[in-house]
PDB file of N, CA and C in Angstrom:
ATOM      1  N   MET A   1     -24.370 -35.508  -5.643  1.00  0.00           N
ATOM      2  CA  MET A   1     -23.053 -34.936  -4.731  1.00  0.00           C
ATOM      3  C   MET A   1     -21.375 -34.686  -5.092  1.00  0.00           C
ATOM      4  N   PHE A   2     -21.361 -36.237  -5.689  1.00  0.00           N
ATOM      5  CA  PHE A   2     -19.549 -36.418  -5.867  1.00  0.00           C
ATOM      6  C   PHE A   2     -19.396 -35.002  -6.836  1.00  0.00           C
ATOM      7  N   LEU A   3     -20.098 -34.507  -7.766  1.00  0.00           N
ATOM      8  CA  LEU A   3     -19.995 -33.757  -8.012  1.00  0.00           C
ATOM      9  C   LEU A   3     -19.860 -31.919  -7.814  1.00  0.00           C
ATOM     10  N   LEU A   4     -20.532 -32.374  -6.815  1.00  0.00           N
ATOM     11  CA  LEU A   4     -21.524 -30.543  -5.822  1.00  0.00           C
ATOM     12  C   LEU A   4     -19.543 -31.057  -5.261  1.00  0.00           C
ATOM     13  N   ILE A   5     -18.638 -31.962  -4.257  1.00  0.00           N
ATOM     14  CA  ILE A   5     -17.322 -32.276  -3.799  1.00  0.00           C
ATOM     15  C   ILE A   5     -16.131 -31.522  -4.615  1.00  0.00           C
ATOM     16  N   LEU A   6     -16.017 -32.123  -5.643  1.00  0.00           N
ATOM     17  CA  LEU A   6     -15.997 -32.311  -7.087  1.00  0.00           C
ATOM     18  C   LEU A   6     -15.354 -30.639  -7.510  1.00  0.00           C
ATOM     19  N   LEU A   7     -16.636 -29.630  -7.391  1.00  0.00           N
ATOM     20  CA  LEU A   7     -16.744 -28.753  -7.516  1.00  0.00           C
ATOM     21  C   LEU A   7     -16.107 -27.708  -6.436  1.00  0.00           C
ATOM     22  N   VAL A   8     -16.603 -28.202  -5.299  1.00  0.00           N
ATOM     23  CA  VAL A   8     -15.913 -27.299  -4.354  1.00  0.00           C
ATOM     24  C   VAL A   8     -14.149 -27.315  -4.228  1.00  0.00           C
ATOM     25  N   LEU A   9     -13.954 -28.447  -4.262  1.00  0.00           N
ATOM     26  CA  LEU A   9     -12.901 -28.290  -4.344  1.00  0.00           C
ATOM     27  C   LEU A   9     -12.130 -28.250  -5.622  1.00  0.00           C
ATOM     28  N   SER A  10     -11.939 -28.275  -6.194  1.00  0.00           N
ATOM     29  CA  SER A  10     -11.273 -27.340  -7.530  1.00  0.00           C
ATOM     30  C   SER A  10     -11.598 -25.620  -7.904  1.00  0.00           C
ATOM     31  N   SER A  11     -12.296 -25.301  -6.418  1.00  0.00           N
ATOM     32  CA  SER A  11     -12.825 -23.454  -6.994  1.00  0.00           C
ATOM     33  C   SER A  11     -12.026 -23.442  -6.443  1.00  0.00           C
ATOM     34  N   PRO A  12     -10.898 -22.634  -5.630  1.00  0.00           N
ATOM     35  CA  PRO A  12      -9.806 -22.426  -4.583  1.00  0.00           C
ATOM     36  C   PRO A  12      -8.826 -21.661  -6.194  1.00  0.00           C
ATOM     37  N   ASP A  13      -8.221 -23.092  -7.003  1.00  0.00           N
ATOM     38  CA  ASP A  13      -7.977 -22.853  -8.488  1.00  0.00           C
ATOM     39  C   ASP A  13      -8.755 -21.689  -9.542  1.00  0.00           C
ATOM     40  N   TRP A  14      -9.893 -21.702  -9.393  1.00  0.00           N
ATOM     41  CA  TRP A  14     -10.610 -19.527  -9.977  1.00  0.00           C
ATOM     42  C   TRP A  14     -10.183 -18.690  -9.066  1.00  0.00           C
ATOM     43  N   THR A  15      -9.719 -18.747  -8.081  1.00  0.00           N
ATOM     44  CA  THR A  15      -9.683 -17.584  -7.559  1.00  0.00           C
ATOM     45  C   THR A  15      -8.372 -17.262  -7.966  1.00  0.00           C
ATOM     46  N   GLN A  16      -8.773 -15.166  -7.526  1.00  0.00           N
ATOM     47  CA  GLN A  16      -7.889 -14.517  -8.000  1.00  0.00           C
ATOM     48  C   GLN A  16      -6.969 -14.440  -6.830  1.00  0.00           C
ATOM     49  N   GLN A  17      -5.771 -14.198  -6.173  1.00  0.00           N
ATOM     50  CA  GLN A  17      -6.052 -13.120  -4.759  1.00  0.00           C
ATOM     51  C   GLN A  17      -4.779 -12.467  -5.384  1.00  0.00           C
ATOM     52  N   HIS A  18      -5.292 -11.167  -4.187  1.00  0.00           N
ATOM     53  CA  HIS A  18      -5.036  -9.535  -5.177  1.00  0.00           C
ATOM     54  C   HIS A  18      -4.044  -9.312  -3.887  1.00  0.00           C
ATOM     55  N   LEU A  19      -3.590  -9.732  -3.130  1.00  0.00           N
ATOM     56  CA  LEU A  19      -2.825  -8.829  -2.133  1.00  0.00           C
ATOM     57  C   LEU A  19      -1.823  -9.822  -2.286  1.00  0.00           C
ATOM     58  N   THR A  20      -0.817 -10.285  -3.505  1.00  0.00           N
ATOM     59  CA  THR A  20       0.162 -10.919  -3.633  1.00  0.00           C
ATOM     60  C   THR A  20       1.534  -9.470  -4.033  1.00  0.00           C
ATOM     61  N   TYR A  21       2.736  -9.985  -3.602  1.00  0.00           N
ATOM     62  CA  TYR A  21       3.413  -9.015  -4.241  1.00  0.00           C
ATOM     63  C   TYR A  21       4.012  -9.126  -4.990  1.00  0.00           C
ATOM     64  N   PRO A  22       4.542  -8.716  -5.771  1.00  0.00           N
ATOM     65  CA  PRO A  22       4.826  -6.785  -5.613  1.00  0.00           C
ATOM     66  C   PRO A  22       3.568  -6.366  -5.680  1.00  0.00           C
ATOM     67  N   VAL A  23       2.799  -5.300  -4.266  1.00  0.00           N
ATOM     68  CA  VAL A  23       1.771  -4.801  -4.413  1.00  0.00           C
ATOM     69  C   VAL A  23       1.375  -3.714  -5.711  1.00  0.00           C
ATOM     70  N   ASP A  24       0.086  -3.966  -5.708  1.00  0.00           N
ATOM     71  CA  ASP A  24      -0.234  -3.088  -6.996  1.00  0.00           C
ATOM     72  C   ASP A  24      -0.748  -2.013  -6.225  1.00  0.00           C
ATOM     73  N   TYR A  25      -0.366  -1.038  -5.878  1.00  0.00           N
ATOM     74  CA  TYR A  25      -1.182   0.166  -5.336  1.00  0.00           C
ATOM     75  C   TYR A  25      -2.544   0.538  -6.499  1.00  0.00           C
ATOM     76  N   CYS A  26      -2.603   0.442  -7.688  1.00  0.00           N
ATOM     77  CA  CYS A  26      -3.263   0.714  -8.341  1.00  0.00           C
ATOM     78  C   CYS A  26      -4.573   0.622  -8.239  1.00  0.00           C
ATOM     79  N   LYS A  27      -4.519  -0.853  -7.546  1.00  0.00           N
ATOM     80  CA  LYS A  27      -6.077  -1.598  -6.792  1.00  0.00           C
ATOM     81  C   LYS A  27      -6.329  -1.243  -5.904  1.00  0.00           C
ATOM     82  N   LEU A  28      -5.369  -0.994  -4.878  1.00  0.00           N
ATOM     83  CA  LEU A  28      -5.371  -0.397  -3.319  1.00  0.00           C
ATOM     84  C   LEU A  28      -6.738   0.401  -3.051  1.00  0.00           C
ATOM     85  N   ALA A  29      -5.650   1.323  -4.768  1.00  0.00           N
ATOM     86  CA  ALA A  29      -6.747   3.260  -4.929  1.00  0.00           C
ATOM     87  C   ALA A  29      -7.811   2.867  -5.354  1.00  0.00           C
ATOM     88  N   ALA A  30      -7.691   2.333  -6.205  1.00  0.00           N
ATOM     89  CA  ALA A  30      -9.239   1.818  -6.693  1.00  0.00           C
ATOM     90  C   ALA A  30     -10.484   1.160  -5.451  1.00  0.00           C
ATOM     91  N   VAL A  31     -10.206   0.413  -4.510  1.00  0.00           N
ATOM     92  CA  VAL A  31     -10.495   0.341  -3.387  1.00  0.00           C
ATOM     93  C   VAL A  31     -11.229   0.621  -2.001  1.00  0.00           C
ATOM     94  N   CYS A  32      -9.975   1.636  -2.088  1.00  0.00           N
ATOM     95  CA  CYS A  32      -9.980   1.877  -1.028  1.00  0.00           C
ATOM     96  C   CYS A  32     -10.789   3.150  -0.180  1.00  0.00           C
ATOM     97  N   ILE A  33     -10.971   3.459   0.788  1.00  0.00           N
ATOM     98  CA  ILE A  33     -12.430   3.996   1.328  1.00  0.00           C
ATOM     99  C   ILE A  33     -11.827   5.207   1.805  1.00  0.00           C
ATOM    100  N   HIS A  34     -11.810   6.727   1.658  1.00  0.00           N
ATOM    101  CA  HIS A  34     -11.307   7.618   2.245  1.00  0.00           C
ATOM    102  C   HIS A  34     -11.617   7.995   3.508  1.00  0.00           C
ATOM    103  N   ASP A  35     -10.948   7.902   4.729  1.00  0.00           N
ATOM    104  CA  ASP A  35     -11.644   8.697   6.002  1.00  0.00           C
ATOM    105  C   ASP A  35     -10.334  10.169   6.337  1.00  0.00           C
ATOM    106  N   ASN A  36     -10.028  10.481   5.577  1.00  0.00           N
ATOM    107  CA  ASN A  36      -9.415  11.551   6.045  1.00  0.00           C
ATOM    108  C   ASN A  36      -8.218  11.647   7.373  1.00  0.00           C
ATOM    109  N   ARG A  37      -7.302  10.604   7.270  1.00  0.00           N
ATOM    110  CA  ARG A  37      -6.793  10.324   8.958  1.00  0.00           C
ATOM    111  C   ARG A  37      -5.545  10.707   8.258  1.00  0.00           C
ATOM    112  N   MET A  38      -4.577  11.359   8.564  1.00  0.00           N
ATOM    113  CA  MET A  38      -3.318  12.103   7.894  1.00  0.00           C
ATOM    114  C   MET A  38      -2.692  10.700   7.571  1.00  0.00           C
ATOM    115  N   VAL A  39      -1.976  10.560   7.202  1.00  0.00           N
ATOM    116  CA  VAL A  39      -0.230   9.467   7.438  1.00  0.00           C
ATOM    117  C   VAL A  39       0.489   9.878   6.134  1.00  0.00           C
ATOM    118  N   CYS A  40       1.412   9.588   7.658  1.00  0.00           N
ATOM    119  CA  CYS A  40       2.847  10.402   7.415  1.00  0.00           C
ATOM    120  C   CYS A  40       3.744   8.320   6.719  1.00  0.00           C
ATOM    121  N   ALA A  41       4.070   9.244   5.206  1.00  0.00           N
ATOM    122  CA  ALA A  41       4.976   7.739   4.811  1.00  0.00           C
ATOM    123  C   ALA A  41       6.370   8.226   4.730  1.00  0.00           C
ATOM    124  N   THR A  42       6.629   7.215   4.509  1.00  0.00           N
ATOM    125  CA  THR A  42       8.167   6.772   4.070  1.00  0.00           C
ATOM    126  C   THR A  42       8.946   5.899   2.701  1.00  0.00           C
ATOM    127  N   THR A  43       9.992   6.388   1.761  1.00  0.00           N
ATOM    128  CA  THR A  43      10.014   5.537   0.343  1.00  0.00           C
ATOM    129  C   THR A  43      10.771   3.629   2.062  1.00  0.00           C
ATOM    130  N   GLU A  44      11.207   2.959   0.733  1.00  0.00           N
ATOM    131  CA  GLU A  44      11.402   2.144   1.238  1.00  0.00           C
ATOM    132  C   GLU A  44      12.840   1.759   2.070  1.00  0.00           C
ATOM    133  N   ASP A  45      13.762   3.269   1.250  1.00  0.00           N
ATOM    134  CA  ASP A  45      14.860   3.370   2.307  1.00  0.00           C
ATOM    135  C   ASP A  45      15.069   4.058   3.030  1.00  0.00           C
ATOM    136  N   GLY A  46      13.646   4.813   3.639  1.00  0.00           N
ATOM    137  CA  GLY A  46      12.837   5.327   4.492  1.00  0.00           C
ATOM    138  C   GLY A  46      13.987   6.995   4.230  1.00  0.00           C
ATOM    139  N   CYS A  47      14.787   7.559   3.314  1.00  0.00           N
ATOM    140  CA  CYS A  47      14.839   8.668   3.540  1.00  0.00           C
ATOM    141  C   CYS A  47      14.202   9.896   2.845  1.00  0.00           C
ATOM    142  N   SER A  48      12.973   9.556   2.390  1.00  0.00           N
ATOM    143  CA  SER A  48      12.597  10.624   1.783  1.00  0.00           C
ATOM    144  C   SER A  48      10.725  10.305   2.824  1.00  0.00           C
ATOM    145  N   ARG A  49      10.578  10.657   3.572  1.00  0.00           N
ATOM    146  CA  ARG A  49       8.800  10.576   4.140  1.00  0.00           C
ATOM    147  C   ARG A  49       8.197  12.177   3.350  1.00  0.00           C
ATOM    148  N   ARG A  50       7.052  12.015   3.407  1.00  0.00           N
ATOM    149  CA  ARG A  50       5.890  12.903   3.119  1.00  0.00           C
ATOM    150  C   ARG A  50       4.408  12.435   3.699  1.00  0.00           C
ATOM    151  N   THR A  51       3.944  13.403   3.608  1.00  0.00           N
ATOM    152  CA  THR A  51       2.073  13.817   4.317  1.00  0.00           C
ATOM    153  C   THR A  51       1.390  13.479   3.366  1.00  0.00           C
ATOM    154  N   PHE A  52       0.671  12.423   4.136  1.00  0.00           N
ATOM    155  CA  PHE A  52      -0.494  12.199   3.416  1.00  0.00           C
ATOM    156  C   PHE A  52      -1.957  12.339   3.586  1.00  0.00           C
ATOM    157  N   ILE A  53      -3.028  13.222   2.544  1.00  0.00           N
ATOM    158  CA  ILE A  53      -4.561  13.146   3.770  1.00  0.00           C
ATOM    159  C   ILE A  53      -4.786  12.058   4.629  1.00  0.00           C
ATOM    160  N   ASP A  54      -4.846  10.878   3.735  1.00  0.00           N
ATOM    161  CA  ASP A  54      -5.387   9.648   4.245  1.00  0.00           C
ATOM    162  C   ASP A  54      -4.678   8.712   3.471  1.00  0.00           C
ATOM    163  N   GLN A  55      -4.291   7.149   3.897  1.00  0.00           N
ATOM    164  CA  GLN A  55      -3.853   5.722   3.177  1.00  0.00           C
ATOM    165  C   GLN A  55      -3.869   6.128   1.509  1.00  0.00           C
ATOM    166  N   CYS A  56      -5.829   6.130   0.970  1.00  0.00           N
ATOM    167  CA  CYS A  56      -5.998   6.135  -0.312  1.00  0.00           C
ATOM    168  C   CYS A  56      -5.429   7.312  -1.206  1.00  0.00           C
ATOM    169  N   ASP A  57      -4.923   8.341  -0.642  1.00  0.00           N
ATOM    170  CA  ASP A  57      -4.444   8.870  -1.376  1.00  0.00           C
ATOM    171  C   ASP A  57      -2.539   9.046  -1.768  1.00  0.00           C
ATOM    172  N   MET A  58      -1.928   8.241  -0.361  1.00  0.00           N
ATOM    173  CA  MET A  58      -0.248   7.770  -0.259  1.00  0.00           C
ATOM    174  C   MET A  58      -0.745   6.573  -1.870  1.00  0.00           C
ATOM    175  N   TYR A  59      -2.065   6.000  -1.765  1.00  0.00           N
ATOM    176  CA  TYR A  59      -2.230   4.569  -2.591  1.00  0.00           C
ATOM    177  C   TYR A  59      -1.821   5.220  -4.099  1.00  0.00           C
ATOM    178  N   GLU A  60      -2.416   6.598  -3.731  1.00  0.00           N
ATOM    179  CA  GLU A  60      -3.397   7.124  -6.008  1.00  0.00           C
ATOM    180  C   GLU A  60      -1.834   7.786  -6.235  1.00  0.00           C
ATOM    181  N   TYR A  61      -0.995   8.241  -5.100  1.00  0.00           N
ATOM    182  CA  TYR A  61       0.248   8.643  -5.614  1.00  0.00           C
ATOM    183  C   TYR A  61       0.960   7.803  -5.905  1.00  0.00           C
ATOM    184  N   ASN A  62       1.326   6.561  -5.560  1.00  0.00           N
ATOM    185  CA  ASN A  62       2.276   5.506  -5.737  1.00  0.00           C
ATOM    186  C   ASN A  62       1.727   5.265  -6.680  1.00  0.00           C
ATOM    187  N   CYS A  63       0.176   5.616  -7.203  1.00  0.00           N
ATOM    188  CA  CYS A  63      -0.311   4.310  -8.422  1.00  0.00           C
ATOM    189  C   CYS A  63       0.334   5.482  -9.811  1.00  0.00           C
ATOM    190  N   ASP A  64      -0.329   6.104  -9.710  1.00  0.00           N
ATOM    191  CA  ASP A  64       0.334   8.087 -10.360  1.00  0.00           C
ATOM    192  C   ASP A  64       1.354   8.315 -10.977  1.00  0.00           C
ATOM    193  N   PHE A  65       2.838   8.254  -9.510  1.00  0.00           N
ATOM    194  CA  PHE A  65       4.252   8.479  -9.691  1.00  0.00           C
ATOM    195  C   PHE A  65       4.883   6.673  -9.819  1.00  0.00           C
ATOM    196  N   GLY A  66       4.065   6.019  -9.851  1.00  0.00           N
ATOM    197  CA  GLY A  66       4.641   4.570  -9.544  1.00  0.00           C
ATOM    198  C   GLY A  66       6.268   4.767  -8.364  1.00  0.00           C
ATOM    199  N   ALA A  67       5.427   6.039  -7.179  1.00  0.00           N
ATOM    200  CA  ALA A  67       6.501   5.276  -5.823  1.00  0.00           C
ATOM    201  C   ALA A  67       5.756   4.123  -5.028  1.00  0.00           C
ATOM    202  N   ARG A  68       6.925   4.257  -3.903  1.00  0.00           N
ATOM    203  CA  ARG A  68       6.806   3.220  -3.174  1.00  0.00           C
ATOM    204  C   ARG A  68       6.953   3.310  -2.052  1.00  0.00           C
ATOM    205  N   TYR A  69       5.740   4.852  -1.366  1.00  0.00           N
ATOM    206  CA  TYR A  69       5.855   4.803  -0.294  1.00  0.00           C
ATOM    207  C   TYR A  69       5.157   3.599   0.477  1.00  0.00           C
ATOM    208  N   ARG A  70       5.194   4.151   1.643  1.00  0.00           N
ATOM    209  CA  ARG A  70       4.229   3.295   2.689  1.00  0.00           C
ATOM    210  C   ARG A  70       4.128   3.933   4.308  1.00  0.00           C
ATOM    211  N   LYS A  71       2.949   3.506   4.900  1.00  0.00           N
ATOM    212  CA  LYS A  71       2.885   3.975   5.853  1.00  0.00           C
ATOM    213  C   LYS A  71       4.241   4.306   7.262  1.00  0.00           C
ATOM    214  N   TYR A  72       4.569   5.691   7.952  1.00  0.00           N
ATOM    215  CA  TYR A  72       6.189   5.399   8.534  1.00  0.00           C
ATOM    216  C   TYR A  72       5.259   5.269   9.534  1.00  0.00           C
ATOM    217  N   THR A  73       6.668   3.948  10.064  1.00  0.00           N
ATOM    218  CA  THR A  73       6.293   3.519  11.235  1.00  0.00           C
ATOM    219  C   THR A  73       7.440   4.038  12.773  1.00  0.00           C
ATOM    220  N   GLY A  74       8.099   4.902  12.219  1.00  0.00           N
ATOM    221  CA  GLY A  74       8.891   5.720  13.606  1.00  0.00           C
ATOM    222  C   GLY A  74      10.313   5.193  13.618  1.00  0.00           C
ATOM    223  N   VAL A  75      10.995   4.638  12.571  1.00  0.00           N
ATOM    224  CA  VAL A  75      12.542   3.641  12.866  1.00  0.00           C
ATOM    225  C   VAL A  75      12.738   4.939  12.118  1.00  0.00           C
ATOM    226  N   GLN A  76      14.585   6.357  11.946  1.00  0.00           N
ATOM    227  CA  GLN A  76      14.538   6.875  11.032  1.00  0.00           C
ATOM    228  C   GLN A  76      15.966   5.492  10.807  1.00  0.00           C
ATOM    229  N   THR A  77      16.647   6.334   9.875  1.00  0.00           N
ATOM    230  CA  THR A  77      17.666   5.643   9.179  1.00  0.00           C
ATOM    231  C   THR A  77      18.592   7.200   9.280  1.00  0.00           C
ATOM    232  N   ALA A  78      20.393   6.871   9.730  1.00  0.00           N
ATOM    233  CA  ALA A  78      20.963   7.771   9.548  1.00  0.00           C
ATOM    234  C   ALA A  78      21.538   8.013   8.876  1.00  0.00           C
ATOM    235  N   THR A  79      21.565   7.654   7.829  1.00  0.00           N
ATOM    236  CA  THR A  79      22.134   7.428   6.548  1.00  0.00           C
ATOM    237  C   THR A  79      21.491   8.568   5.859  1.00  0.00           C
ATOM    238  N   CYS A  80      20.286   9.069   5.540  1.00  0.00           N
ATOM    239  CA  CYS A  80      19.465   9.594   4.868  1.00  0.00           C
ATOM    240  C   CYS A  80      19.829  11.018   5.004  1.00  0.00           C
ATOM    241  N   LYS A  81      19.708  11.683   3.603  1.00  0.00           N
ATOM    242  CA  LYS A  81      20.313  12.984   3.255  1.00  0.00           C
ATOM    243  C   LYS A  81      19.199  13.653   2.305  1.00  0.00           C
ATOM    244  N   GLY A  82      17.725  13.012   2.157  1.00  0.00           N
ATOM    245  CA  GLY A  82      16.929  13.385   2.045  1.00  0.00           C
ATOM    246  C   GLY A  82      16.188  15.138   1.807  1.00  0.00           C
ATOM    247  N   LYS A  83      15.403  16.017   1.386  1.00  0.00           N
ATOM    248  CA  LYS A  83      14.455  16.603   2.616  1.00  0.00           C
ATOM    249  C   LYS A  83      12.818  15.554   3.080  1.00  0.00           C
ATOM    250  N   GLN A  84      13.226  16.046   4.447  1.00  0.00           N
ATOM    251  CA  GLN A  84      12.073  15.588   4.825  1.00  0.00           C
ATOM    252  C   GLN A  84      10.354  16.337   4.895  1.00  0.00           C
ATOM    253  N   ASP A  85       9.913  15.437   4.987  1.00  0.00           N
ATOM    254  CA  ASP A  85       8.561  16.711   5.136  1.00  0.00           C
ATOM    255  C   ASP A  85       8.548  16.795   6.987  1.00  0.00           C
ATOM    256  N   PHE A  86       7.887  18.100   6.876  1.00  0.00           N
ATOM    257  CA  PHE A  86       7.977  18.985   8.262  1.00  0.00           C
ATOM    258  C   PHE A  86       6.853  18.729   9.521  1.00  0.00           C
ATOM    259  N   ARG A  87       5.827  18.060   8.305  1.00  0.00           N
ATOM    260  CA  ARG A  87       4.816  17.545   9.714  1.00  0.00           C
ATOM    261  C   ARG A  87       5.232  15.943   9.236  1.00  0.00           C
ATOM    262  N   CYS A  88       6.135  15.361   9.059  1.00  0.00           N
ATOM    263  CA  CYS A  88       6.028  13.923   9.648  1.00  0.00           C
ATOM    264  C   CYS A  88       7.355  14.063  10.895  1.00  0.00           C
ATOM    265  N   ASN A  89       7.235  13.700  11.798  1.00  0.00           N
ATOM    266  CA  ASN A  89       8.282  13.894  13.106  1.00  0.00           C
ATOM    267  C   ASN A  89       8.871  12.328  13.490  1.00  0.00           C
TER     268      ASN A  89
END
């Protein structure tokens, strides 16, 4: 019984946290399930926006090109001079 308790208490050390910072978009893309719900995404500075088929495609793009797009929340910055995607409003 003592060994079982010791085993249970030591098991958290064996686990690996998958969603720690920095976000690994390649791992997210590998496990993501496509739902075909269009996503408007923005860069971290908010100056560039793109439309993706779904969130999984955004993860794949971030993985392939080293980008850091995230789902657009609707807050615009006034200092941006980048070209905006016409489908992202």
